[in-house]
Amino acid sequence: MEYSVAENTSVTVAVVEAVSDREDTDPTSLPPLASVIDPEALDALFAATGETTGDRRGTVSFDYSESHLTIVDGQTVVVEPQLKL
């Protein structure tokens, strides 16, 4: 499932909302995002660097809760089931 990061929404908030939606659970029932990734660093990675927004490009992937996430350019959150080995 793909989720767009809404304007004026941090990447970390978008991640929690997307996982909550995919796993059909309340966001407060999810484990702390900080248990798998530094939320401040994640937001800073895709923060605007000048007068424009969305000017940071890149991709980050990690597992959170029961999902595998890929964040693309800070604008799209792709949520897939976590692969269990």
N, C-alpha and C. Protein backbone atom coordinates (compact mmCIF):
# COMPACT_ATOMS: atom_id res chain seq x y z
N MET A 1 0.83 -1.16 0.00
CA MET A 1 0.00 0.00 0.00
C MET A 1 0.89 1.24 0.00
N GLU A 2 0.50 2.24 -0.76
CA GLU A 2 1.24 3.49 -0.81
C GLU A 2 0.44 4.59 -0.15
N TYR A 3 1.14 5.41 0.63
CA TYR A 3 0.53 6.54 1.30
C TYR A 3 1.32 7.79 0.95
N SER A 4 0.62 8.86 0.64
CA SER A 4 1.28 10.13 0.39
C SER A 4 1.44 10.87 1.71
N VAL A 5 2.60 11.49 1.89
CA VAL A 5 2.83 12.30 3.08
C VAL A 5 2.17 13.65 2.83
N ALA A 6 1.19 13.97 3.64
CA ALA A 6 0.45 15.21 3.48
C ALA A 6 1.34 16.41 3.77
N GLU A 7 1.04 17.51 3.10
CA GLU A 7 1.77 18.75 3.34
C GLU A 7 1.65 19.12 4.81
N ASN A 8 2.72 19.59 5.38
CA ASN A 8 2.79 19.99 6.80
C ASN A 8 2.66 18.81 7.75
N THR A 9 2.91 17.60 7.27
CA THR A 9 2.93 16.41 8.12
C THR A 9 4.35 15.85 8.11
N SER A 10 4.87 15.54 9.28
CA SER A 10 6.22 14.98 9.33
C SER A 10 6.22 13.55 8.79
N VAL A 11 7.37 13.13 8.35
CA VAL A 11 7.50 11.76 7.85
C VAL A 11 7.19 10.76 8.96
N THR A 12 7.62 11.05 10.18
CA THR A 12 7.38 10.11 11.27
C THR A 12 5.89 9.96 11.56
N VAL A 13 5.15 11.05 11.52
CA VAL A 13 3.70 10.97 11.73
C VAL A 13 3.06 10.17 10.60
N ALA A 14 3.50 10.42 9.37
CA ALA A 14 2.96 9.68 8.22
C ALA A 14 3.25 8.19 8.35
N VAL A 15 4.43 7.82 8.84
CA VAL A 15 4.78 6.41 9.02
C VAL A 15 3.83 5.76 10.01
N VAL A 16 3.63 6.38 11.16
CA VAL A 16 2.75 5.81 12.19
C VAL A 16 1.32 5.69 11.67
N GLU A 17 0.85 6.73 10.97
CA GLU A 17 -0.51 6.68 10.43
C GLU A 17 -0.65 5.58 9.38
N ALA A 18 0.35 5.43 8.51
CA ALA A 18 0.28 4.41 7.45
C ALA A 18 0.30 3.00 8.04
N VAL A 19 1.17 2.77 9.01
CA VAL A 19 1.24 1.44 9.64
C VAL A 19 -0.04 1.16 10.42
N SER A 20 -0.54 2.15 11.12
CA SER A 20 -1.79 1.99 11.85
C SER A 20 -2.93 1.60 10.92
N ASP A 21 -2.99 2.26 9.77
CA ASP A 21 -4.03 1.96 8.79
C ASP A 21 -3.87 0.55 8.23
N ARG A 22 -2.64 0.20 7.83
CA ARG A 22 -2.39 -1.12 7.23
C ARG A 22 -2.64 -2.26 8.21
N GLU A 23 -2.26 -2.05 9.47
CA GLU A 23 -2.42 -3.10 10.47
C GLU A 23 -3.77 -3.01 11.19
N ASP A 24 -4.59 -2.05 10.79
CA ASP A 24 -5.92 -1.86 11.36
C ASP A 24 -5.87 -1.82 12.88
N THR A 25 -5.04 -0.91 13.39
CA THR A 25 -4.88 -0.76 14.82
C THR A 25 -4.76 0.72 15.17
N ASP A 26 -5.05 1.05 16.40
CA ASP A 26 -4.91 2.42 16.87
C ASP A 26 -3.43 2.80 16.91
N PRO A 27 -3.07 4.00 16.48
CA PRO A 27 -1.65 4.40 16.49
C PRO A 27 -1.00 4.28 17.86
N THR A 28 -1.77 4.49 18.92
CA THR A 28 -1.20 4.40 20.26
C THR A 28 -0.91 2.96 20.67
N SER A 29 -1.44 2.00 19.94
CA SER A 29 -1.19 0.58 20.23
C SER A 29 0.10 0.08 19.58
N LEU A 30 0.66 0.86 18.67
CA LEU A 30 1.91 0.46 18.00
C LEU A 30 3.09 0.64 18.94
N PRO A 31 4.15 -0.12 18.73
CA PRO A 31 5.35 0.09 19.54
C PRO A 31 5.94 1.47 19.22
N PRO A 32 6.73 2.02 20.13
CA PRO A 32 7.34 3.32 19.86
C PRO A 32 8.21 3.24 18.59
N LEU A 33 8.05 4.21 17.71
CA LEU A 33 8.85 4.25 16.50
C LEU A 33 10.33 4.32 16.84
N ALA A 34 10.65 4.98 17.93
CA ALA A 34 12.04 5.13 18.36
C ALA A 34 12.70 3.80 18.70
N SER A 35 11.91 2.74 18.84
CA SER A 35 12.50 1.43 19.14
C SER A 35 13.18 0.83 17.91
N VAL A 36 12.91 1.40 16.71
CA VAL A 36 13.52 0.86 15.49
C VAL A 36 14.29 1.88 14.68
N ILE A 37 13.99 3.18 14.88
CA ILE A 37 14.68 4.22 14.11
C ILE A 37 14.59 5.53 14.89
N ASP A 38 15.57 6.38 14.72
CA ASP A 38 15.57 7.69 15.38
C ASP A 38 14.58 8.61 14.66
N PRO A 39 13.45 8.94 15.27
CA PRO A 39 12.45 9.77 14.59
C PRO A 39 12.97 11.14 14.18
N GLU A 40 13.78 11.77 15.01
CA GLU A 40 14.32 13.08 14.66
C GLU A 40 15.24 12.99 13.45
N ALA A 41 16.04 11.95 13.39
CA ALA A 41 16.93 11.78 12.24
C ALA A 41 16.13 11.49 10.97
N LEU A 42 15.07 10.70 11.09
CA LEU A 42 14.23 10.40 9.94
C LEU A 42 13.58 11.67 9.39
N ASP A 43 13.02 12.49 10.28
CA ASP A 43 12.43 13.75 9.83
C ASP A 43 13.48 14.67 9.23
N ALA A 44 14.65 14.74 9.85
CA ALA A 44 15.71 15.61 9.35
C ALA A 44 16.21 15.17 7.98
N LEU A 45 16.20 13.88 7.74
CA LEU A 45 16.66 13.36 6.46
C LEU A 45 15.87 13.92 5.29
N PHE A 46 14.58 14.11 5.49
CA PHE A 46 13.71 14.59 4.42
C PHE A 46 13.24 16.03 4.62
N ALA A 47 13.84 16.75 5.55
CA ALA A 47 13.43 18.13 5.82
C ALA A 47 13.87 19.05 4.68
N ALA A 48 13.12 20.12 4.53
CA ALA A 48 13.48 21.13 3.53
C ALA A 48 14.82 21.76 3.92
N THR A 49 15.59 22.13 2.92
CA THR A 49 16.91 22.70 3.18
C THR A 49 16.99 24.17 2.79
N GLY A 50 15.90 24.76 2.44
CA GLY A 50 15.89 26.16 2.04
C GLY A 50 14.47 26.66 1.98
N GLU A 51 14.20 27.48 1.00
CA GLU A 51 12.87 28.04 0.87
C GLU A 51 11.88 27.07 0.24
N THR A 52 12.39 26.00 -0.37
CA THR A 52 11.49 25.03 -0.99
C THR A 52 11.30 23.83 -0.07
N THR A 53 10.20 23.16 -0.24
CA THR A 53 9.95 21.95 0.53
C THR A 53 10.12 20.74 -0.38
N GLY A 54 10.36 19.62 0.22
CA GLY A 54 10.48 18.39 -0.55
C GLY A 54 11.69 18.35 -1.46
N ASP A 55 12.75 19.05 -1.07
CA ASP A 55 13.93 19.07 -1.93
C ASP A 55 14.97 18.04 -1.54
N ARG A 56 14.66 17.22 -0.58
CA ARG A 56 15.57 16.14 -0.21
C ARG A 56 15.12 14.88 -0.91
N ARG A 57 16.03 14.21 -1.57
CA ARG A 57 15.71 12.99 -2.31
C ARG A 57 16.41 11.80 -1.67
N GLY A 58 15.80 10.65 -1.78
CA GLY A 58 16.41 9.43 -1.27
C GLY A 58 15.36 8.43 -0.85
N THR A 59 15.82 7.28 -0.47
CA THR A 59 14.95 6.19 -0.06
C THR A 59 15.49 5.58 1.22
N VAL A 60 14.60 5.30 2.15
CA VAL A 60 14.94 4.64 3.40
C VAL A 60 13.96 3.50 3.61
N SER A 61 14.48 2.33 3.98
CA SER A 61 13.62 1.17 4.27
C SER A 61 13.95 0.62 5.65
N PHE A 62 12.91 0.20 6.35
CA PHE A 62 13.10 -0.42 7.66
C PHE A 62 11.84 -1.17 8.05
N ASP A 63 11.96 -2.03 9.03
CA ASP A 63 10.82 -2.78 9.57
C ASP A 63 10.30 -2.06 10.82
N TYR A 64 8.98 -2.01 10.94
CA TYR A 64 8.35 -1.40 12.10
C TYR A 64 7.05 -2.14 12.37
N SER A 65 6.88 -2.53 13.62
CA SER A 65 5.72 -3.31 14.02
C SER A 65 5.70 -4.59 13.18
N GLU A 66 4.64 -4.83 12.44
CA GLU A 66 4.56 -6.02 11.59
C GLU A 66 4.66 -5.66 10.12
N SER A 67 5.25 -4.49 9.84
CA SER A 67 5.31 -3.98 8.47
C SER A 67 6.73 -3.67 8.03
N HIS A 68 6.93 -3.69 6.73
CA HIS A 68 8.18 -3.24 6.11
C HIS A 68 7.85 -1.94 5.40
N LEU A 69 8.61 -0.89 5.69
CA LEU A 69 8.33 0.42 5.13
C LEU A 69 9.45 0.87 4.22
N THR A 70 9.07 1.56 3.16
CA THR A 70 10.02 2.25 2.30
C THR A 70 9.51 3.66 2.13
N ILE A 71 10.35 4.62 2.48
CA ILE A 71 10.00 6.02 2.33
C ILE A 71 10.76 6.55 1.14
N VAL A 72 10.04 7.12 0.20
CA VAL A 72 10.63 7.59 -1.05
C VAL A 72 10.55 9.12 -1.09
N ASP A 73 11.70 9.76 -1.11
CA ASP A 73 11.81 11.22 -1.24
C ASP A 73 11.02 11.98 -0.17
N GLY A 74 10.69 11.34 0.93
CA GLY A 74 9.95 11.99 1.98
C GLY A 74 8.51 12.32 1.60
N GLN A 75 8.07 11.79 0.47
CA GLN A 75 6.73 12.11 -0.01
C GLN A 75 5.81 10.91 -0.07
N THR A 76 6.37 9.72 -0.14
CA THR A 76 5.56 8.50 -0.24
C THR A 76 6.05 7.48 0.78
N VAL A 77 5.10 6.86 1.47
CA VAL A 77 5.41 5.77 2.40
C VAL A 77 4.78 4.51 1.82
N VAL A 78 5.60 3.53 1.49
CA VAL A 78 5.13 2.25 0.98
C VAL A 78 5.15 1.27 2.16
N VAL A 79 3.99 0.67 2.44
CA VAL A 79 3.87 -0.26 3.57
C VAL A 79 3.54 -1.64 3.02
N GLU A 80 4.36 -2.61 3.39
CA GLU A 80 4.17 -3.99 2.97
C GLU A 80 4.26 -4.89 4.20
N PRO A 81 3.73 -6.09 4.11
CA PRO A 81 3.90 -7.02 5.22
C PRO A 81 5.38 -7.30 5.45
N GLN A 82 5.75 -7.41 6.70
CA GLN A 82 7.13 -7.73 7.06
C GLN A 82 7.40 -9.18 6.72
N LEU A 83 8.52 -9.42 6.06
CA LEU A 83 8.90 -10.80 5.74
C LEU A 83 9.42 -11.49 6.99
N LYS A 84 8.90 -12.62 7.28
CA LYS A 84 9.34 -13.41 8.44
C LYS A 84 10.25 -14.51 7.94
N LEU A 85 11.45 -14.57 8.47
CA LEU A 85 12.39 -15.62 8.07
C LEU A 85 12.45 -16.71 9.10
